[in-house]
Amino acid sequence: MPAGLVVSLHVAPAAGARMKCIDSVRAIPGRGLEGDRYFLGVGTYSSKKSADREVTLIETEAVEALARDYGLPFEPGESRRNVATREVALNHLVGRSFRVGETTLQGIRLCEPCSHMERLCGKPVRAGLVHRGGLRARIVAGGRIRVGDPVIT
């Protein structure tokens, strides 16, 4: 079982609010990440009740590729994703369960980049993130996720 790493964590208190970088967060099944807009029911798409709003992940390698391949400096929090990872092939986790820190998540579907995210970050990043925009997951077993935690697939 290869292990990746949680590089950074991000939540936003409201729809459209800037993502705040945090050191740890509590993941609650059926709700999401404590303090995040979707946990609070105030996210842009909160009216669309779905488990795929509980937590989103993105590979830092995809973020770094934007600067390298497209000349677009970009930070993981600008992606509007909650968990930035390293050395984890997130696309391969659709339909699979995996561990992140104390939690167990299940990959639901890819989190393709959208015009809303692009508008909020103010950078033309969609083309560079197609099929690399991250993963939507549901929380199967809750617990705390911390920066530096292993991601075990």
Protein backbone atom coordinates (compact mmCIF):
# COMPACT_ATOMS: atom_id res chain seq x y z
CA MET A 1 0.00 0.00 0.00
CA PRO A 2 1.86 3.11 -1.17
CA ALA A 3 1.51 6.11 1.10
CA GLY A 4 1.31 9.71 -0.01
CA LEU A 5 1.17 12.76 2.17
CA VAL A 6 -1.21 15.59 3.15
CA VAL A 7 0.69 18.77 2.21
CA SER A 8 -1.92 21.39 3.13
CA LEU A 9 -5.53 21.76 4.28
CA HIS A 10 -8.02 24.46 3.27
CA VAL A 11 -11.52 25.52 4.30
CA ALA A 12 -13.67 28.54 3.49
CA PRO A 13 -16.34 29.83 5.90
CA ALA A 14 -18.77 30.90 3.13
CA ALA A 15 -19.47 30.65 -0.59
CA GLY A 16 -16.86 32.57 -2.54
CA ALA A 17 -14.77 33.31 0.57
CA ARG A 18 -11.01 32.97 0.34
CA MET A 19 -9.76 29.54 1.38
CA LYS A 20 -8.02 29.56 4.75
CA CYS A 21 -4.96 27.34 5.24
CA ILE A 22 -5.22 25.31 8.46
CA ASP A 23 -3.06 22.73 10.25
CA SER A 24 -5.79 20.20 11.06
CA VAL A 25 -9.52 19.63 10.63
CA ARG A 26 -12.16 17.25 11.90
CA ALA A 27 -13.93 15.19 9.23
CA ILE A 28 -17.53 14.25 10.03
CA PRO A 29 -19.37 11.61 7.96
CA GLY A 30 -22.41 12.99 6.18
CA ARG A 31 -21.37 16.59 6.90
CA GLY A 32 -17.86 17.31 5.66
CA LEU A 33 -14.93 19.19 7.16
CA GLU A 34 -15.68 21.22 10.25
CA GLY A 35 -15.63 24.93 9.49
CA ASP A 36 -15.90 24.54 5.72
CA ARG A 37 -18.68 26.16 3.70
CA TYR A 38 -20.26 22.84 2.75
CA PHE A 39 -20.18 21.57 6.35
CA LEU A 40 -21.97 24.80 7.30
CA GLY A 41 -24.43 24.48 4.41
CA VAL A 42 -23.41 27.82 2.88
CA GLY A 43 -21.33 26.71 -0.10
CA THR A 44 -22.21 27.82 -3.62
CA TYR A 45 -23.59 24.36 -4.41
CA SER A 46 -24.93 23.47 -0.94
CA SER A 47 -28.48 23.24 -2.29
CA LYS A 48 -27.33 20.19 -4.30
CA LYS A 49 -27.25 17.73 -1.40
CA SER A 50 -24.62 15.13 -2.25
CA ALA A 51 -21.88 13.20 -0.48
CA ASP A 52 -19.42 14.49 -3.08
CA ARG A 53 -19.42 17.87 -1.34
CA GLU A 54 -17.96 16.45 1.90
CA VAL A 55 -14.27 16.71 0.98
CA THR A 56 -12.21 17.47 -2.12
CA LEU A 57 -8.56 16.66 -2.75
CA ILE A 58 -5.98 17.85 -5.28
CA GLU A 59 -2.47 16.68 -6.14
CA THR A 60 0.24 19.28 -5.51
CA GLU A 61 1.94 17.90 -8.60
CA ALA A 62 -1.01 19.21 -10.68
CA VAL A 63 -0.74 22.61 -9.01
CA GLU A 64 3.00 22.76 -9.71
CA ALA A 65 2.43 21.72 -13.34
CA LEU A 66 0.38 24.88 -13.91
CA ALA A 67 3.42 27.02 -13.18
CA ARG A 68 5.79 24.78 -15.10
CA ASP A 69 3.66 24.06 -18.18
CA TYR A 70 1.39 27.10 -18.39
CA GLY A 71 3.38 29.81 -16.62
CA LEU A 72 0.58 30.21 -14.06
CA PRO A 73 1.73 30.45 -10.46
CA PHE A 74 -1.03 28.77 -8.45
CA GLU A 75 -1.44 27.76 -4.82
CA PRO A 76 -3.37 24.66 -3.68
CA GLY A 77 -5.95 26.78 -1.82
CA GLU A 78 -6.76 28.66 -5.02
CA SER A 79 -8.12 25.38 -6.41
CA ARG A 80 -10.96 25.54 -3.83
CA ARG A 81 -10.03 21.96 -2.82
CA ASN A 82 -9.77 21.02 0.84
CA VAL A 83 -6.83 18.62 0.94
CA ALA A 84 -3.63 19.00 -1.09
CA THR A 85 -1.65 15.77 -1.41
CA ARG A 86 1.71 14.64 -2.71
CA GLU A 87 2.54 11.28 -4.31
CA VAL A 88 -1.09 10.15 -4.55
CA ALA A 89 -2.69 9.29 -7.90
CA LEU A 90 -6.11 10.71 -7.00
CA ASN A 91 -7.77 9.80 -10.31
CA HIS A 92 -7.17 6.14 -9.47
CA LEU A 93 -9.19 6.46 -6.26
CA VAL A 94 -12.62 6.92 -7.88
CA GLY A 95 -14.79 4.17 -6.41
CA ARG A 96 -12.14 3.15 -3.88
CA SER A 97 -11.75 3.63 -0.13
CA PHE A 98 -8.52 5.05 1.27
CA ARG A 99 -7.14 6.45 4.53
CA VAL A 100 -6.21 10.06 5.18
CA GLY A 101 -4.88 10.50 8.70
CA GLU A 102 -7.49 9.13 11.11
CA THR A 103 -10.26 9.11 8.48
CA THR A 104 -11.46 6.75 5.81
CA LEU A 105 -12.67 8.36 2.59
CA GLN A 106 -14.25 6.93 -0.53
CA GLY A 107 -13.51 8.51 -3.89
CA ILE A 108 -16.73 9.41 -5.68
CA ARG A 109 -15.77 11.23 -8.87
CA LEU A 110 -13.20 13.55 -10.38
CA CYS A 111 -13.45 17.19 -9.37
CA GLU A 112 -13.02 18.81 -12.76
CA PRO A 113 -12.13 22.51 -12.83
CA CYS A 114 -15.06 24.84 -13.44
CA SER A 115 -15.66 28.45 -14.43
CA HIS A 116 -16.69 29.28 -10.84
CA MET A 117 -13.29 28.21 -9.46
CA GLU A 118 -11.51 29.96 -12.30
CA ARG A 119 -13.46 33.18 -11.66
CA LEU A 120 -12.71 33.10 -7.92
CA CYS A 121 -8.97 32.53 -8.36
CA GLY A 122 -8.78 35.04 -11.21
CA LYS A 123 -6.50 32.86 -13.35
CA PRO A 124 -7.17 30.90 -16.57
CA VAL A 125 -6.38 27.51 -15.01
CA ARG A 126 -9.12 25.27 -16.38
CA ALA A 127 -7.19 23.96 -19.38
CA GLY A 128 -4.23 23.00 -17.20
CA LEU A 129 -6.40 21.20 -14.65
CA VAL A 130 -8.65 19.17 -16.94
CA HIS A 131 -8.60 15.59 -15.56
CA ARG A 132 -6.16 16.85 -12.89
CA GLY A 133 -8.57 19.05 -10.92
CA GLY A 134 -8.82 16.66 -8.03
CA LEU A 135 -11.15 14.15 -6.43
CA ARG A 136 -14.51 14.45 -4.69
CA ALA A 137 -14.85 12.06 -1.77
CA ARG A 138 -17.25 11.14 0.98
CA ILE A 139 -16.23 10.58 4.58
CA VAL A 140 -16.79 6.93 5.51
CA ALA A 141 -15.19 7.08 8.98
CA GLY A 142 -14.51 10.42 10.61
CA GLY A 143 -11.60 11.71 12.59
CA ARG A 144 -8.90 14.33 12.39
CA ILE A 145 -6.84 15.11 9.29
CA ARG A 146 -3.53 16.91 9.84
CA VAL A 147 -0.89 18.38 7.58
CA GLY A 148 1.79 15.69 7.30
CA ASP A 149 -0.65 12.78 7.68
CA PRO A 150 -0.18 9.79 5.39
CA VAL A 151 -2.60 9.06 2.56
CA ILE A 152 -2.79 5.29 2.30
CA THR A 153 -4.38 3.82 -0.81
